[in-house]
Amino acid sequence: MVLPIALAIFMALLIAVNGIPQGLDFAGGSWIEITLREEIKPQTLKSIESELTGMGAENLEIYLGAQLGSDNHKITISTTTVLDEEDTRILLEKNLGELRSIDVARIKLETEPKPDIQEKISSRIAGSDISFIDNESVLVVKALDIDAEELKRALEFYLDEGASVELKSKNYRMESIGKTLGDKFWEQGLYAVLFAYILIIAVVFFVFRDFIPSVAIIAAASFDAVFALGGMSALNLLLEPAALVSLLMLIGYSVDSDILLTTRVLKTSKGTVN
């Protein structure tokens, strides 16, 4: 009996001293996803990590994976620091080459298109920005998503000549969560945990209607939560929304098993729960 209480006190002190490191959704920060055809070398990742750390990125994590359904390689970067988008993009392009947050199609033409062509093509490609580069005789179409087949049909319909199309899909995505929004998520998460805990306490007291076993069950569940949070604090594991949900599941499972065990003990000793 003494050992669990001593461990719970130790974990509580650990949480009080070190705190619980919060993940991107709660602390705010930046998340980046990059997709490349070329294989990414380990030294390139080390260089990116070193330079981002130099920019002040905290709790930096870089994962290398593969894009499902293709041979493309994917880099995922997350940090609890809100990075400057322009500086970050320049840094990454220096190590990885051209990065695009939108689809870009370059259409090589033999002659300058008619004045209304750009407007007509734009009506077929939603949200597109179309421009013509005179010295290269190239029509440039930019949009968040370009359907290659739809673009091909539009060009065949509106142009009187054959056109060579080079379509480059977007390969870069960056999102940032500000501290204010992160604090709001954290506040809502705490409210959810508090509400769940109140319901658990109400259910336990309703089932047993006896102070001692009810308090024992709630204390046991609380110890489990403190152990889990203390472990996260000791190992510097970031608290994310998924971890918060897992914590609630842990408390629920602990309460459920404790109720079953306590019910069995009370039935054995008294013949009935009440």
C-alpha atoms as a PDB file:
ATOM      1  CA  MET A   1       0.000   0.000   0.000  1.00  0.00           C
ATOM      2  CA  VAL A   2       2.860   2.365   0.871  1.00  0.00           C
ATOM      3  CA  LEU A   3       4.779   1.782  -2.378  1.00  0.00           C
ATOM      4  CA  PRO A   4       1.975   2.859  -4.790  1.00  0.00           C
ATOM      5  CA  ILE A   5       1.321   6.001  -2.732  1.00  0.00           C
ATOM      6  CA  ALA A   6       5.050   6.825  -2.636  1.00  0.00           C
ATOM      7  CA  LEU A   7       5.312   6.315  -6.413  1.00  0.00           C
ATOM      8  CA  ALA A   8       2.242   8.481  -6.996  1.00  0.00           C
ATOM      9  CA  ILE A   9       3.741  11.269  -4.868  1.00  0.00           C
ATOM     10  CA  PHE A  10       7.049  10.961  -6.741  1.00  0.00           C
ATOM     11  CA  MET A  11       5.283  11.158 -10.121  1.00  0.00           C
ATOM     12  CA  ALA A  12       3.220  14.136  -8.954  1.00  0.00           C
ATOM     13  CA  LEU A  13       6.404  15.944  -7.880  1.00  0.00           C
ATOM     14  CA  LEU A  14       7.992  15.089 -11.234  1.00  0.00           C
ATOM     15  CA  ILE A  15       5.020  16.621 -13.052  1.00  0.00           C
ATOM     16  CA  ALA A  16       5.117  19.697 -10.799  1.00  0.00           C
ATOM     17  CA  VAL A  17       8.848  20.252 -11.404  1.00  0.00           C
ATOM     18  CA  ASN A  18       9.203  19.308 -15.094  1.00  0.00           C
ATOM     19  CA  GLY A  19       5.660  19.928 -16.270  1.00  0.00           C
ATOM     20  CA  ILE A  20       4.075  17.993 -19.127  1.00  0.00           C
ATOM     21  CA  PRO A  21       5.535  18.846 -22.550  1.00  0.00           C
ATOM     22  CA  GLN A  22       2.732  19.862 -24.889  1.00  0.00           C
ATOM     23  CA  GLY A  23       2.569  18.905 -28.539  1.00  0.00           C
ATOM     24  CA  LEU A  24       1.939  21.120 -31.539  1.00  0.00           C
ATOM     25  CA  ASP A  25      -1.857  21.231 -31.182  1.00  0.00           C
ATOM     26  CA  PHE A  26      -1.686  22.493 -27.603  1.00  0.00           C
ATOM     27  CA  ALA A  27       1.525  24.550 -27.533  1.00  0.00           C
ATOM     28  CA  GLY A  28       1.237  25.931 -31.065  1.00  0.00           C
ATOM     29  CA  GLY A  29       3.892  25.469 -33.725  1.00  0.00           C
ATOM     30  CA  SER A  30       4.449  24.507 -37.345  1.00  0.00           C
ATOM     31  CA  TRP A  31       3.853  21.348 -39.365  1.00  0.00           C
ATOM     32  CA  ILE A  32       5.413  20.713 -42.788  1.00  0.00           C
ATOM     33  CA  GLU A  33       4.930  17.925 -45.323  1.00  0.00           C
ATOM     34  CA  ILE A  34       7.173  17.567 -48.383  1.00  0.00           C
ATOM     35  CA  THR A  35       6.822  15.024 -51.199  1.00  0.00           C
ATOM     36  CA  LEU A  36       9.745  14.298 -53.532  1.00  0.00           C
ATOM     37  CA  ARG A  37      10.467  11.827 -56.303  1.00  0.00           C
ATOM     38  CA  GLU A  38      14.162  11.616 -55.477  1.00  0.00           C
ATOM     39  CA  GLU A  39      15.460   9.590 -52.550  1.00  0.00           C
ATOM     40  CA  ILE A  40      16.409  11.773 -49.595  1.00  0.00           C
ATOM     41  CA  LYS A  41      19.887  11.252 -48.200  1.00  0.00           C
ATOM     42  CA  PRO A  42      20.440  11.006 -44.410  1.00  0.00           C
ATOM     43  CA  GLN A  43      22.946  13.871 -44.492  1.00  0.00           C
ATOM     44  CA  THR A  44      20.290  16.085 -46.092  1.00  0.00           C
ATOM     45  CA  LEU A  45      17.921  15.410 -43.196  1.00  0.00           C
ATOM     46  CA  LYS A  46      20.700  16.127 -40.696  1.00  0.00           C
ATOM     47  CA  SER A  47      21.452  19.415 -42.451  1.00  0.00           C
ATOM     48  CA  ILE A  48      17.758  20.418 -42.357  1.00  0.00           C
ATOM     49  CA  GLU A  49      17.506  19.461 -38.680  1.00  0.00           C
ATOM     50  CA  SER A  50      20.627  21.456 -37.823  1.00  0.00           C
ATOM     51  CA  GLU A  51      19.486  24.574 -39.682  1.00  0.00           C
ATOM     52  CA  LEU A  52      15.943  24.476 -38.288  1.00  0.00           C
ATOM     53  CA  THR A  53      17.351  24.085 -34.782  1.00  0.00           C
ATOM     54  CA  GLY A  54      19.511  27.115 -35.514  1.00  0.00           C
ATOM     55  CA  MET A  55      16.326  29.020 -36.375  1.00  0.00           C
ATOM     56  CA  GLY A  56      15.041  28.270 -32.877  1.00  0.00           C
ATOM     57  CA  ALA A  57      12.794  25.269 -33.611  1.00  0.00           C
ATOM     58  CA  GLU A  58      11.939  23.478 -30.351  1.00  0.00           C
ATOM     59  CA  ASN A  59      10.756  19.876 -29.935  1.00  0.00           C
ATOM     60  CA  LEU A  60      11.747  19.349 -33.560  1.00  0.00           C
ATOM     61  CA  GLU A  61      10.785  16.017 -35.111  1.00  0.00           C
ATOM     62  CA  ILE A  62      11.587  14.947 -38.683  1.00  0.00           C
ATOM     63  CA  TYR A  63      10.151  11.750 -40.160  1.00  0.00           C
ATOM     64  CA  LEU A  64      11.033  10.135 -43.467  1.00  0.00           C
ATOM     65  CA  GLY A  65       8.411   7.931 -45.121  1.00  0.00           C
ATOM     66  CA  ALA A  66       6.760   6.976 -48.393  1.00  0.00           C
ATOM     67  CA  GLN A  67       3.616   8.292 -50.053  1.00  0.00           C
ATOM     68  CA  LEU A  68       0.921   5.636 -50.299  1.00  0.00           C
ATOM     69  CA  GLY A  69       0.190   4.456 -53.822  1.00  0.00           C
ATOM     70  CA  SER A  70       3.336   5.925 -55.364  1.00  0.00           C
ATOM     71  CA  ASP A  71       7.120   5.725 -55.339  1.00  0.00           C
ATOM     72  CA  ASN A  72       7.434   9.235 -53.897  1.00  0.00           C
ATOM     73  CA  HIS A  73       9.333   9.926 -50.698  1.00  0.00           C
ATOM     74  CA  LYS A  74       7.755  12.025 -47.962  1.00  0.00           C
ATOM     75  CA  ILE A  75       9.284  14.183 -45.232  1.00  0.00           C
ATOM     76  CA  THR A  76       7.175  15.284 -42.277  1.00  0.00           C
ATOM     77  CA  ILE A  77       8.501  18.024 -39.992  1.00  0.00           C
ATOM     78  CA  SER A  78       6.858  19.228 -36.784  1.00  0.00           C
ATOM     79  CA  THR A  79       7.966  21.696 -34.134  1.00  0.00           C
ATOM     80  CA  THR A  80       6.304  23.538 -31.266  1.00  0.00           C
ATOM     81  CA  THR A  81       7.816  26.788 -32.573  1.00  0.00           C
ATOM     82  CA  VAL A  82       5.881  28.879 -35.094  1.00  0.00           C
ATOM     83  CA  LEU A  83       8.362  29.211 -37.965  1.00  0.00           C
ATOM     84  CA  ASP A  84       8.518  32.046 -40.468  1.00  0.00           C
ATOM     85  CA  GLU A  85       7.045  30.616 -43.675  1.00  0.00           C
ATOM     86  CA  GLU A  86       9.304  32.470 -46.111  1.00  0.00           C
ATOM     87  CA  ASP A  87      12.559  31.770 -44.233  1.00  0.00           C
ATOM     88  CA  THR A  88      11.611  28.121 -43.745  1.00  0.00           C
ATOM     89  CA  ARG A  89      10.793  27.652 -47.412  1.00  0.00           C
ATOM     90  CA  ILE A  90      14.110  29.206 -48.500  1.00  0.00           C
ATOM     91  CA  LEU A  91      15.983  26.913 -46.099  1.00  0.00           C
ATOM     92  CA  LEU A  92      14.190  23.797 -47.338  1.00  0.00           C
ATOM     93  CA  GLU A  93      14.568  24.681 -51.034  1.00  0.00           C
ATOM     94  CA  LYS A  94      18.295  25.109 -50.486  1.00  0.00           C
ATOM     95  CA  ASN A  95      18.470  21.485 -49.326  1.00  0.00           C
ATOM     96  CA  LEU A  96      15.694  19.842 -51.356  1.00  0.00           C
ATOM     97  CA  GLY A  97      15.210  21.885 -54.526  1.00  0.00           C
ATOM     98  CA  GLU A  98      12.060  23.583 -55.822  1.00  0.00           C
ATOM     99  CA  LEU A  99       9.020  23.375 -53.557  1.00  0.00           C
ATOM    100  CA  ARG A 100       5.472  24.166 -54.692  1.00  0.00           C
ATOM    101  CA  SER A 101       2.385  24.696 -52.556  1.00  0.00           C
ATOM    102  CA  ILE A 102       0.165  24.738 -55.689  1.00  0.00           C
ATOM    103  CA  ASP A 103       0.005  22.878 -59.014  1.00  0.00           C
ATOM    104  CA  VAL A 104       1.804  24.615 -61.893  1.00  0.00           C
ATOM    105  CA  ALA A 105       1.304  23.849 -65.587  1.00  0.00           C
ATOM    106  CA  ARG A 106       3.599  25.355 -68.234  1.00  0.00           C
ATOM    107  CA  ILE A 107       2.158  25.233 -71.763  1.00  0.00           C
ATOM    108  CA  LYS A 108       4.586  25.866 -74.607  1.00  0.00           C
ATOM    109  CA  LEU A 109       2.890  27.663 -77.517  1.00  0.00           C
ATOM    110  CA  GLU A 110       4.075  28.510 -81.011  1.00  0.00           C
ATOM    111  CA  THR A 111       2.236  31.841 -81.071  1.00  0.00           C
ATOM    112  CA  GLU A 112       0.741  34.237 -78.548  1.00  0.00           C
ATOM    113  CA  PRO A 113      -2.796  33.111 -77.575  1.00  0.00           C
ATOM    114  CA  LYS A 114      -5.894  35.191 -78.228  1.00  0.00           C
ATOM    115  CA  PRO A 115      -6.770  37.753 -75.502  1.00  0.00           C
ATOM    116  CA  ASP A 116      -9.811  35.810 -74.265  1.00  0.00           C
ATOM    117  CA  ILE A 117      -8.057  32.419 -74.070  1.00  0.00           C
ATOM    118  CA  GLN A 118      -6.824  32.969 -70.523  1.00  0.00           C
ATOM    119  CA  GLU A 119     -10.327  33.790 -69.293  1.00  0.00           C
ATOM    120  CA  LYS A 120     -11.827  30.768 -71.054  1.00  0.00           C
ATOM    121  CA  ILE A 121      -9.267  28.334 -69.648  1.00  0.00           C
ATOM    122  CA  SER A 122      -9.687  29.898 -66.199  1.00  0.00           C
ATOM    123  CA  SER A 123     -13.418  29.128 -66.344  1.00  0.00           C
ATOM    124  CA  ARG A 124     -12.586  25.435 -66.823  1.00  0.00           C
ATOM    125  CA  ILE A 125      -9.901  25.244 -64.097  1.00  0.00           C
ATOM    126  CA  ALA A 126     -11.395  26.348 -60.761  1.00  0.00           C
ATOM    127  CA  GLY A 127      -9.433  28.958 -58.816  1.00  0.00           C
ATOM    128  CA  SER A 128      -6.702  29.190 -61.439  1.00  0.00           C
ATOM    129  CA  ASP A 129      -4.309  32.062 -62.093  1.00  0.00           C
ATOM    130  CA  ILE A 130      -3.185  32.241 -65.730  1.00  0.00           C
ATOM    131  CA  SER A 131      -0.394  34.342 -67.210  1.00  0.00           C
ATOM    132  CA  PHE A 132       1.582  34.446 -70.458  1.00  0.00           C
ATOM    133  CA  ILE A 133       5.366  34.836 -70.614  1.00  0.00           C
ATOM    134  CA  ASP A 134       6.111  36.637 -73.895  1.00  0.00           C
ATOM    135  CA  ASN A 135       9.838  36.003 -74.193  1.00  0.00           C
ATOM    136  CA  GLU A 136       9.374  32.256 -73.644  1.00  0.00           C
ATOM    137  CA  SER A 137       5.993  31.954 -75.395  1.00  0.00           C
ATOM    138  CA  VAL A 138       4.737  29.971 -72.404  1.00  0.00           C
ATOM    139  CA  LEU A 139       1.262  30.010 -70.877  1.00  0.00           C
ATOM    140  CA  VAL A 140       1.461  29.388 -67.120  1.00  0.00           C
ATOM    141  CA  VAL A 141      -1.535  27.989 -65.229  1.00  0.00           C
ATOM    142  CA  LYS A 142      -1.422  27.964 -61.418  1.00  0.00           C
ATOM    143  CA  ALA A 143      -4.096  26.441 -59.177  1.00  0.00           C
ATOM    144  CA  LEU A 144      -4.447  24.532 -55.929  1.00  0.00           C
ATOM    145  CA  ASP A 145      -5.519  21.438 -57.876  1.00  0.00           C
ATOM    146  CA  ILE A 146      -5.163  21.003 -61.637  1.00  0.00           C
ATOM    147  CA  ASP A 147      -6.887  18.070 -63.294  1.00  0.00           C
ATOM    148  CA  ALA A 148      -4.491  17.076 -66.097  1.00  0.00           C
ATOM    149  CA  GLU A 149      -7.268  15.606 -68.241  1.00  0.00           C
ATOM    150  CA  GLU A 150      -9.520  18.643 -67.812  1.00  0.00           C
ATOM    151  CA  LEU A 151      -6.642  20.962 -68.728  1.00  0.00           C
ATOM    152  CA  LYS A 152      -5.836  18.875 -71.801  1.00  0.00           C
ATOM    153  CA  ARG A 153      -9.459  19.002 -72.978  1.00  0.00           C
ATOM    154  CA  ALA A 154      -9.618  22.773 -72.422  1.00  0.00           C
ATOM    155  CA  LEU A 155      -6.438  23.343 -74.424  1.00  0.00           C
ATOM    156  CA  GLU A 156      -7.627  21.143 -77.285  1.00  0.00           C
ATOM    157  CA  PHE A 157     -10.946  23.003 -77.394  1.00  0.00           C
ATOM    158  CA  TYR A 158      -9.674  26.593 -77.179  1.00  0.00           C
ATOM    159  CA  LEU A 159      -6.309  26.453 -78.959  1.00  0.00           C
ATOM    160  CA  ASP A 160      -5.879  26.050 -82.689  1.00  0.00           C
ATOM    161  CA  GLU A 161      -2.449  24.471 -82.305  1.00  0.00           C
ATOM    162  CA  GLY A 162      -0.877  21.547 -80.539  1.00  0.00           C
ATOM    163  CA  ALA A 163       0.561  22.452 -77.157  1.00  0.00           C
ATOM    164  CA  SER A 164       3.289  20.887 -75.057  1.00  0.00           C
ATOM    165  CA  VAL A 165       2.215  20.725 -71.406  1.00  0.00           C
ATOM    166  CA  GLU A 166       4.513  20.324 -68.400  1.00  0.00           C
ATOM    167  CA  LEU A 167       2.517  19.803 -65.200  1.00  0.00           C
ATOM    168  CA  LYS A 168       4.254  19.998 -61.835  1.00  0.00           C
ATOM    169  CA  SER A 169       2.111  18.954 -58.889  1.00  0.00           C
ATOM    170  CA  LYS A 170       2.360  20.604 -55.481  1.00  0.00           C
ATOM    171  CA  ASN A 171       4.903  18.953 -53.217  1.00  0.00           C
ATOM    172  CA  TYR A 172       4.970  21.254 -50.205  1.00  0.00           C
ATOM    173  CA  ARG A 173       2.512  22.027 -47.443  1.00  0.00           C
ATOM    174  CA  MET A 174       3.064  24.083 -44.301  1.00  0.00           C
ATOM    175  CA  GLU A 175       0.568  24.828 -41.540  1.00  0.00           C
ATOM    176  CA  SER A 176       1.050  26.800 -38.345  1.00  0.00           C
ATOM    177  CA  ILE A 177      -0.972  26.945 -35.143  1.00  0.00           C
ATOM    178  CA  GLY A 178      -0.570  30.107 -33.095  1.00  0.00           C
ATOM    179  CA  LYS A 179      -0.144  30.122 -29.321  1.00  0.00           C
ATOM    180  CA  THR A 180      -3.636  31.586 -28.816  1.00  0.00           C
ATOM    181  CA  LEU A 181      -5.324  28.805 -30.785  1.00  0.00           C
ATOM    182  CA  GLY A 182      -3.160  26.191 -29.049  1.00  0.00           C
ATOM    183  CA  ASP A 183      -4.199  27.570 -25.649  1.00  0.00           C
ATOM    184  CA  LYS A 184      -7.845  27.319 -26.730  1.00  0.00           C
ATOM    185  CA  PHE A 185      -7.389  23.652 -27.706  1.00  0.00           C
ATOM    186  CA  TRP A 186      -5.676  22.998 -24.363  1.00  0.00           C
ATOM    187  CA  GLU A 187      -8.499  24.691 -22.442  1.00  0.00           C
ATOM    188  CA  GLN A 188     -11.122  22.628 -24.277  1.00  0.00           C
ATOM    189  CA  GLY A 189      -9.124  19.451 -23.627  1.00  0.00           C
ATOM    190  CA  LEU A 190      -8.965  20.189 -19.897  1.00  0.00           C
ATOM    191  CA  TYR A 191     -12.711  20.844 -19.814  1.00  0.00           C
ATOM    192  CA  ALA A 192     -13.309  17.484 -21.526  1.00  0.00           C
ATOM    193  CA  VAL A 193     -11.119  15.652 -18.996  1.00  0.00           C
ATOM    194  CA  LEU A 194     -12.742  17.443 -16.052  1.00  0.00           C
ATOM    195  CA  PHE A 195     -16.260  16.704 -17.328  1.00  0.00           C
ATOM    196  CA  ALA A 196     -15.391  13.023 -17.884  1.00  0.00           C
ATOM    197  CA  TYR A 197     -13.882  12.793 -14.403  1.00  0.00           C
ATOM    198  CA  ILE A 198     -16.989  14.288 -12.783  1.00  0.00           C
ATOM    199  CA  LEU A 199     -19.186  11.765 -14.611  1.00  0.00           C
ATOM    200  CA  ILE A 200     -16.920   8.897 -13.523  1.00  0.00           C
ATOM    201  CA  ILE A 201     -17.119  10.027  -9.878  1.00  0.00           C
ATOM    202  CA  ALA A 202     -20.910  10.293 -10.112  1.00  0.00           C
ATOM    203  CA  VAL A 203     -21.231   6.800 -11.626  1.00  0.00           C
ATOM    204  CA  VAL A 204     -18.943   5.220  -8.999  1.00  0.00           C
ATOM    205  CA  PHE A 205     -20.836   6.774  -6.079  1.00  0.00           C
ATOM    206  CA  PHE A 206     -24.165   5.832  -7.683  1.00  0.00           C
ATOM    207  CA  VAL A 207     -23.119   2.173  -8.071  1.00  0.00           C
ATOM    208  CA  PHE A 208     -21.686   1.634  -4.575  1.00  0.00           C
ATOM    209  CA  ARG A 209     -23.386   4.301  -2.468  1.00  0.00           C
ATOM    210  CA  ASP A 210     -20.602   3.761   0.014  1.00  0.00           C
ATOM    211  CA  PHE A 211     -17.864   6.295   0.689  1.00  0.00           C
ATOM    212  CA  ILE A 212     -14.853   4.025   1.282  1.00  0.00           C
ATOM    213  CA  PRO A 213     -14.951   1.761  -1.833  1.00  0.00           C
ATOM    214  CA  SER A 214     -15.950   4.719  -4.016  1.00  0.00           C
ATOM    215  CA  VAL A 215     -12.988   6.813  -2.869  1.00  0.00           C
ATOM    216  CA  ALA A 216     -10.657   3.815  -3.252  1.00  0.00           C
ATOM    217  CA  ILE A 217     -11.725   3.288  -6.889  1.00  0.00           C
ATOM    218  CA  ILE A 218     -11.405   6.978  -7.775  1.00  0.00           C
ATOM    219  CA  ALA A 219      -8.002   7.168  -6.047  1.00  0.00           C
ATOM    220  CA  ALA A 220      -6.761   4.096  -7.956  1.00  0.00           C
ATOM    221  CA  ALA A 221      -7.852   5.610 -11.285  1.00  0.00           C
ATOM    222  CA  SER A 222      -6.212   8.920 -10.337  1.00  0.00           C
ATOM    223  CA  PHE A 223      -2.957   7.118  -9.504  1.00  0.00           C
ATOM    224  CA  ASP A 224      -2.997   5.464 -12.945  1.00  0.00           C
ATOM    225  CA  ALA A 225      -3.419   8.870 -14.602  1.00  0.00           C
ATOM    226  CA  VAL A 226      -0.615  10.374 -12.496  1.00  0.00           C
ATOM    227  CA  PHE A 227       1.709   7.455 -13.382  1.00  0.00           C
ATOM    228  CA  ALA A 228       1.001   7.934 -17.102  1.00  0.00           C
ATOM    229  CA  LEU A 229       1.527  11.707 -17.010  1.00  0.00           C
ATOM    230  CA  GLY A 230       4.622  11.309 -14.846  1.00  0.00           C
ATOM    231  CA  GLY A 231       6.085   8.881 -17.376  1.00  0.00           C
ATOM    232  CA  MET A 232       5.427  11.370 -20.183  1.00  0.00           C
ATOM    233  CA  SER A 233       7.125  14.089 -18.154  1.00  0.00           C
ATOM    234  CA  ALA A 234      10.153  11.897 -17.376  1.00  0.00           C
ATOM    235  CA  LEU A 235      10.572  10.710 -20.985  1.00  0.00           C
ATOM    236  CA  ASN A 236       9.734  14.123 -22.486  1.00  0.00           C
ATOM    237  CA  LEU A 237       6.847  12.679 -24.512  1.00  0.00           C
ATOM    238  CA  LEU A 238       4.650  15.380 -26.018  1.00  0.00           C
ATOM    239  CA  LEU A 239       1.024  15.546 -24.931  1.00  0.00           C
ATOM    240  CA  GLU A 240      -1.124  15.492 -28.079  1.00  0.00           C
ATOM    241  CA  PRO A 241      -4.932  15.258 -28.455  1.00  0.00           C
ATOM    242  CA  ALA A 242      -4.571  11.519 -29.159  1.00  0.00           C
ATOM    243  CA  ALA A 243      -2.598  11.111 -25.917  1.00  0.00           C
ATOM    244  CA  LEU A 244      -5.332  12.953 -24.024  1.00  0.00           C
ATOM    245  CA  VAL A 245      -7.934  10.560 -25.437  1.00  0.00           C
ATOM    246  CA  SER A 246      -5.706   7.607 -24.485  1.00  0.00           C
ATOM    247  CA  LEU A 247      -5.453   8.990 -20.958  1.00  0.00           C
ATOM    248  CA  LEU A 248      -9.249   9.074 -20.688  1.00  0.00           C
ATOM    249  CA  MET A 249      -9.373   5.481 -21.982  1.00  0.00           C
ATOM    250  CA  LEU A 250      -6.816   4.474 -19.345  1.00  0.00           C
ATOM    251  CA  ILE A 251      -8.891   6.073 -16.583  1.00  0.00           C
ATOM    252  CA  GLY A 252     -12.070   4.448 -17.914  1.00  0.00           C
ATOM    253  CA  TYR A 253     -10.466   1.006 -18.123  1.00  0.00           C
ATOM    254  CA  SER A 254      -9.013   1.419 -14.626  1.00  0.00           C
ATOM    255  CA  VAL A 255     -12.393   2.417 -13.171  1.00  0.00           C
ATOM    256  CA  ASP A 256     -14.151  -0.432 -14.990  1.00  0.00           C
ATOM    257  CA  SER A 257     -11.745  -3.108 -13.739  1.00  0.00           C
ATOM    258  CA  ASP A 258     -11.730  -1.638 -10.209  1.00  0.00           C
ATOM    259  CA  ILE A 259     -15.540  -1.662 -10.100  1.00  0.00           C
ATOM    260  CA  LEU A 260     -15.618  -5.340 -11.125  1.00  0.00           C
ATOM    261  CA  LEU A 261     -12.989  -6.323  -8.541  1.00  0.00           C
ATOM    262  CA  THR A 262     -14.593  -4.270  -5.772  1.00  0.00           C
ATOM    263  CA  THR A 263     -18.041  -5.698  -6.570  1.00  0.00           C
ATOM    264  CA  ARG A 264     -16.665  -9.241  -6.336  1.00  0.00           C
ATOM    265  CA  VAL A 265     -14.979  -8.499  -2.998  1.00  0.00           C
ATOM    266  CA  LEU A 266     -18.110  -6.903  -1.539  1.00  0.00           C
ATOM    267  CA  LYS A 267     -20.309  -9.786  -2.725  1.00  0.00           C
ATOM    268  CA  THR A 268     -17.917 -12.263  -1.154  1.00  0.00           C
ATOM    269  CA  SER A 269     -17.832 -10.430   2.175  1.00  0.00           C
ATOM    270  CA  LYS A 270     -21.446  -9.181   2.373  1.00  0.00           C
ATOM    271  CA  GLY A 271     -23.354 -11.245  -0.158  1.00  0.00           C
ATOM    272  CA  THR A 272     -24.490  -8.140  -2.074  1.00  0.00           C
ATOM    273  CA  VAL A 273     -23.035  -4.872  -3.284  1.00  0.00           C
ATOM    274  CA  ASN A 274     -25.502  -2.785  -1.299  1.00  0.00           C
END
